[in-house]
Amino acid sequence: MVKPKRLVDIAAIIGVIFFIAIVVYLSNKEEPKDNQQLSNVNAAQTIYYNDGGFDKASVTIAKGETVKFVNNTDNDLWVASDPHPRHTDLPGFDALGRANDEYVFTFDKAGTWKYHNHSAASREATVVVTE
């Protein structure tokens, strides 16, 4: 039988390990960058976010072109690369915007980039970047 003092010691050790794990996780989590208000940017594509989600399931652009994301809702929009919630497929493609805000991102790497609204992760779409 385990003695009560031993149980307290085990619980304390587990608590310390849990606390350290949370601190490590939060210190490695990248915060979204400040949104850019760039209404005058010449974007190759404009994607509108409405109450139903992104208006285009997929767009294709050339490497080096810019996509503008326009939030037409009264809620925040956090455009971010997959996978949710880490956003590691395309570092930098990760920005929190406010209601009725705009965000632009220039795609400098060719590939198929899936993205989502971090605040509603089931709302997703794709940007295909060609050479």
C-alpha atoms as a PDB file:
ATOM      1  CA  MET A   1       0.000   0.000   0.000  1.00  0.00           C
ATOM      2  CA  VAL A   2       1.276   3.479  -0.910  1.00  0.00           C
ATOM      3  CA  LYS A   3       1.591   5.807   2.040  1.00  0.00           C
ATOM      4  CA  PRO A   4      -0.207   9.221   1.952  1.00  0.00           C
ATOM      5  CA  LYS A   5       3.085  11.166   2.031  1.00  0.00           C
ATOM      6  CA  ARG A   6       4.317   9.191  -0.979  1.00  0.00           C
ATOM      7  CA  LEU A   7       1.073  10.032  -2.838  1.00  0.00           C
ATOM      8  CA  VAL A   8       1.595  13.721  -2.126  1.00  0.00           C
ATOM      9  CA  ASP A   9       5.167  13.505  -3.427  1.00  0.00           C
ATOM     10  CA  ILE A  10       4.037  11.743  -6.618  1.00  0.00           C
ATOM     11  CA  ALA A  11       1.257  14.303  -7.174  1.00  0.00           C
ATOM     12  CA  ALA A  12       3.749  17.162  -6.714  1.00  0.00           C
ATOM     13  CA  ILE A  13       6.166  15.627  -9.236  1.00  0.00           C
ATOM     14  CA  ILE A  14       3.371  15.155 -11.776  1.00  0.00           C
ATOM     15  CA  GLY A  15       2.259  18.752 -11.226  1.00  0.00           C
ATOM     16  CA  VAL A  16       5.791  20.075 -11.823  1.00  0.00           C
ATOM     17  CA  ILE A  17       6.167  17.999 -14.999  1.00  0.00           C
ATOM     18  CA  PHE A  18       2.790  19.240 -16.267  1.00  0.00           C
ATOM     19  CA  PHE A  19       3.750  22.870 -15.547  1.00  0.00           C
ATOM     20  CA  ILE A  20       7.075  22.502 -17.372  1.00  0.00           C
ATOM     21  CA  ALA A  21       5.317  20.935 -20.373  1.00  0.00           C
ATOM     22  CA  ILE A  22       2.900  23.878 -20.590  1.00  0.00           C
ATOM     23  CA  VAL A  23       5.726  26.421 -20.354  1.00  0.00           C
ATOM     24  CA  VAL A  24       7.699  24.645 -23.102  1.00  0.00           C
ATOM     25  CA  TYR A  25       4.628  24.416 -25.351  1.00  0.00           C
ATOM     26  CA  LEU A  26       3.739  28.099 -24.926  1.00  0.00           C
ATOM     27  CA  SER A  27       7.326  29.264 -25.441  1.00  0.00           C
ATOM     28  CA  ASN A  28       7.502  27.392 -28.784  1.00  0.00           C
ATOM     29  CA  LYS A  29       4.127  28.652 -30.014  1.00  0.00           C
ATOM     30  CA  GLU A  30       4.500  31.402 -32.580  1.00  0.00           C
ATOM     31  CA  GLU A  31       2.096  34.293 -32.138  1.00  0.00           C
ATOM     32  CA  PRO A  32       0.461  35.656 -35.261  1.00  0.00           C
ATOM     33  CA  LYS A  33       2.072  38.717 -36.718  1.00  0.00           C
ATOM     34  CA  ASP A  34       0.328  42.066 -36.752  1.00  0.00           C
ATOM     35  CA  ASN A  35      -2.049  42.384 -39.649  1.00  0.00           C
ATOM     36  CA  GLN A  36      -1.116  44.700 -42.476  1.00  0.00           C
ATOM     37  CA  GLN A  37      -3.593  47.325 -43.679  1.00  0.00           C
ATOM     38  CA  LEU A  38      -2.643  47.472 -47.345  1.00  0.00           C
ATOM     39  CA  SER A  39      -5.639  48.467 -49.423  1.00  0.00           C
ATOM     40  CA  ASN A  40      -3.455  49.752 -52.276  1.00  0.00           C
ATOM     41  CA  VAL A  41      -1.505  46.537 -52.799  1.00  0.00           C
ATOM     42  CA  ASN A  42      -1.754  45.126 -56.313  1.00  0.00           C
ATOM     43  CA  ALA A  43      -2.796  41.572 -55.506  1.00  0.00           C
ATOM     44  CA  ALA A  44      -2.866  38.750 -58.049  1.00  0.00           C
ATOM     45  CA  GLN A  45      -5.917  37.333 -56.259  1.00  0.00           C
ATOM     46  CA  THR A  46      -8.345  38.661 -53.668  1.00  0.00           C
ATOM     47  CA  ILE A  47     -10.075  36.196 -51.376  1.00  0.00           C
ATOM     48  CA  TYR A  48     -13.081  37.322 -49.400  1.00  0.00           C
ATOM     49  CA  TYR A  49     -14.018  35.798 -46.077  1.00  0.00           C
ATOM     50  CA  ASN A  50     -17.759  35.886 -45.424  1.00  0.00           C
ATOM     51  CA  ASP A  51     -19.999  34.323 -42.797  1.00  0.00           C
ATOM     52  CA  GLY A  52     -19.888  31.076 -44.816  1.00  0.00           C
ATOM     53  CA  GLY A  53     -16.084  30.973 -45.048  1.00  0.00           C
ATOM     54  CA  PHE A  54     -13.597  31.749 -47.830  1.00  0.00           C
ATOM     55  CA  ASP A  55     -15.269  32.604 -51.149  1.00  0.00           C
ATOM     56  CA  LYS A  56     -12.773  30.595 -53.239  1.00  0.00           C
ATOM     57  CA  ALA A  57     -11.823  27.016 -52.426  1.00  0.00           C
ATOM     58  CA  SER A  58      -8.595  27.339 -54.436  1.00  0.00           C
ATOM     59  CA  VAL A  59      -6.639  29.988 -56.327  1.00  0.00           C
ATOM     60  CA  THR A  60      -3.517  29.676 -58.470  1.00  0.00           C
ATOM     61  CA  ILE A  61      -0.810  32.332 -58.604  1.00  0.00           C
ATOM     62  CA  ALA A  62       2.800  32.588 -59.738  1.00  0.00           C
ATOM     63  CA  LYS A  63       5.700  32.529 -57.282  1.00  0.00           C
ATOM     64  CA  GLY A  64       6.298  36.039 -55.922  1.00  0.00           C
ATOM     65  CA  GLU A  65       2.699  37.179 -56.327  1.00  0.00           C
ATOM     66  CA  THR A  66       0.529  38.522 -53.556  1.00  0.00           C
ATOM     67  CA  VAL A  67      -2.882  37.423 -52.308  1.00  0.00           C
ATOM     68  CA  LYS A  68      -5.162  39.799 -50.444  1.00  0.00           C
ATOM     69  CA  PHE A  69      -7.535  38.389 -47.825  1.00  0.00           C
ATOM     70  CA  VAL A  70     -10.540  40.608 -47.037  1.00  0.00           C
ATOM     71  CA  ASN A  71     -12.591  39.920 -43.935  1.00  0.00           C
ATOM     72  CA  ASN A  72     -16.225  40.820 -44.635  1.00  0.00           C
ATOM     73  CA  THR A  73     -17.482  39.716 -41.234  1.00  0.00           C
ATOM     74  CA  ASP A  74     -17.890  41.291 -37.818  1.00  0.00           C
ATOM     75  CA  ASN A  75     -15.545  38.669 -36.340  1.00  0.00           C
ATOM     76  CA  ASP A  76     -11.780  38.314 -36.203  1.00  0.00           C
ATOM     77  CA  LEU A  77     -10.144  36.359 -39.020  1.00  0.00           C
ATOM     78  CA  TRP A  78      -6.903  34.492 -38.344  1.00  0.00           C
ATOM     79  CA  VAL A  79      -5.574  33.356 -41.733  1.00  0.00           C
ATOM     80  CA  ALA A  80      -2.940  30.690 -41.180  1.00  0.00           C
ATOM     81  CA  SER A  81      -1.181  27.892 -43.021  1.00  0.00           C
ATOM     82  CA  ASP A  82      -1.959  24.306 -42.140  1.00  0.00           C
ATOM     83  CA  PRO A  83      -1.740  22.264 -40.044  1.00  0.00           C
ATOM     84  CA  HIS A  84      -4.014  23.597 -37.351  1.00  0.00           C
ATOM     85  CA  PRO A  85      -3.080  24.720 -34.706  1.00  0.00           C
ATOM     86  CA  ARG A  86       0.702  24.921 -35.306  1.00  0.00           C
ATOM     87  CA  HIS A  87       0.688  26.662 -38.751  1.00  0.00           C
ATOM     88  CA  THR A  88       4.056  25.223 -39.734  1.00  0.00           C
ATOM     89  CA  ASP A  89       3.584  24.309 -43.421  1.00  0.00           C
ATOM     90  CA  LEU A  90       4.428  27.844 -44.567  1.00  0.00           C
ATOM     91  CA  PRO A  91       6.055  29.887 -41.784  1.00  0.00           C
ATOM     92  CA  GLY A  92       5.029  33.533 -41.857  1.00  0.00           C
ATOM     93  CA  PHE A  93       1.652  32.808 -43.457  1.00  0.00           C
ATOM     94  CA  ASP A  94      -0.088  33.427 -40.157  1.00  0.00           C
ATOM     95  CA  ALA A  95      -1.868  36.667 -39.285  1.00  0.00           C
ATOM     96  CA  LEU A  96      -4.644  37.662 -36.943  1.00  0.00           C
ATOM     97  CA  GLY A  97      -6.960  40.302 -38.387  1.00  0.00           C
ATOM     98  CA  ARG A  98      -9.883  42.150 -36.930  1.00  0.00           C
ATOM     99  CA  ALA A  99     -13.415  42.441 -38.243  1.00  0.00           C
ATOM    100  CA  ASN A 100     -13.633  44.073 -41.697  1.00  0.00           C
ATOM    101  CA  ASP A 101      -9.845  44.047 -41.981  1.00  0.00           C
ATOM    102  CA  GLU A 102      -7.458  43.117 -44.809  1.00  0.00           C
ATOM    103  CA  TYR A 103      -4.314  41.007 -44.855  1.00  0.00           C
ATOM    104  CA  VAL A 104      -1.851  40.479 -47.693  1.00  0.00           C
ATOM    105  CA  PHE A 105       0.736  37.776 -48.111  1.00  0.00           C
ATOM    106  CA  THR A 106       3.341  37.380 -50.832  1.00  0.00           C
ATOM    107  CA  PHE A 107       4.006  33.735 -51.692  1.00  0.00           C
ATOM    108  CA  ASP A 108       7.741  33.368 -52.390  1.00  0.00           C
ATOM    109  CA  LYS A 109       7.775  29.577 -52.378  1.00  0.00           C
ATOM    110  CA  ALA A 110       6.151  27.347 -55.001  1.00  0.00           C
ATOM    111  CA  GLY A 111       3.807  24.644 -53.766  1.00  0.00           C
ATOM    112  CA  THR A 112       0.271  23.867 -52.736  1.00  0.00           C
ATOM    113  CA  TRP A 113      -0.487  25.733 -49.535  1.00  0.00           C
ATOM    114  CA  LYS A 114      -3.574  24.832 -47.576  1.00  0.00           C
ATOM    115  CA  TYR A 115      -4.771  27.401 -45.082  1.00  0.00           C
ATOM    116  CA  HIS A 116      -7.642  27.942 -42.672  1.00  0.00           C
ATOM    117  CA  ASN A 117      -9.221  30.401 -40.284  1.00  0.00           C
ATOM    118  CA  HIS A 118      -7.578  29.506 -36.987  1.00  0.00           C
ATOM    119  CA  SER A 119     -10.688  30.719 -35.162  1.00  0.00           C
ATOM    120  CA  ALA A 120     -12.886  28.352 -37.228  1.00  0.00           C
ATOM    121  CA  ALA A 121     -10.447  25.692 -38.448  1.00  0.00           C
ATOM    122  CA  SER A 122     -12.980  23.781 -40.548  1.00  0.00           C
ATOM    123  CA  ARG A 123     -13.116  26.784 -42.884  1.00  0.00           C
ATOM    124  CA  GLU A 124     -10.211  26.157 -45.180  1.00  0.00           C
ATOM    125  CA  ALA A 125      -8.960  26.703 -48.724  1.00  0.00           C
ATOM    126  CA  THR A 126      -5.814  26.385 -50.873  1.00  0.00           C
ATOM    127  CA  VAL A 127      -3.340  28.616 -52.679  1.00  0.00           C
ATOM    128  CA  VAL A 128      -1.389  26.902 -55.480  1.00  0.00           C
ATOM    129  CA  VAL A 129       1.875  28.703 -56.256  1.00  0.00           C
ATOM    130  CA  THR A 130       3.550  27.871 -59.564  1.00  0.00           C
ATOM    131  CA  GLU A 131       7.169  28.511 -60.584  1.00  0.00           C
END
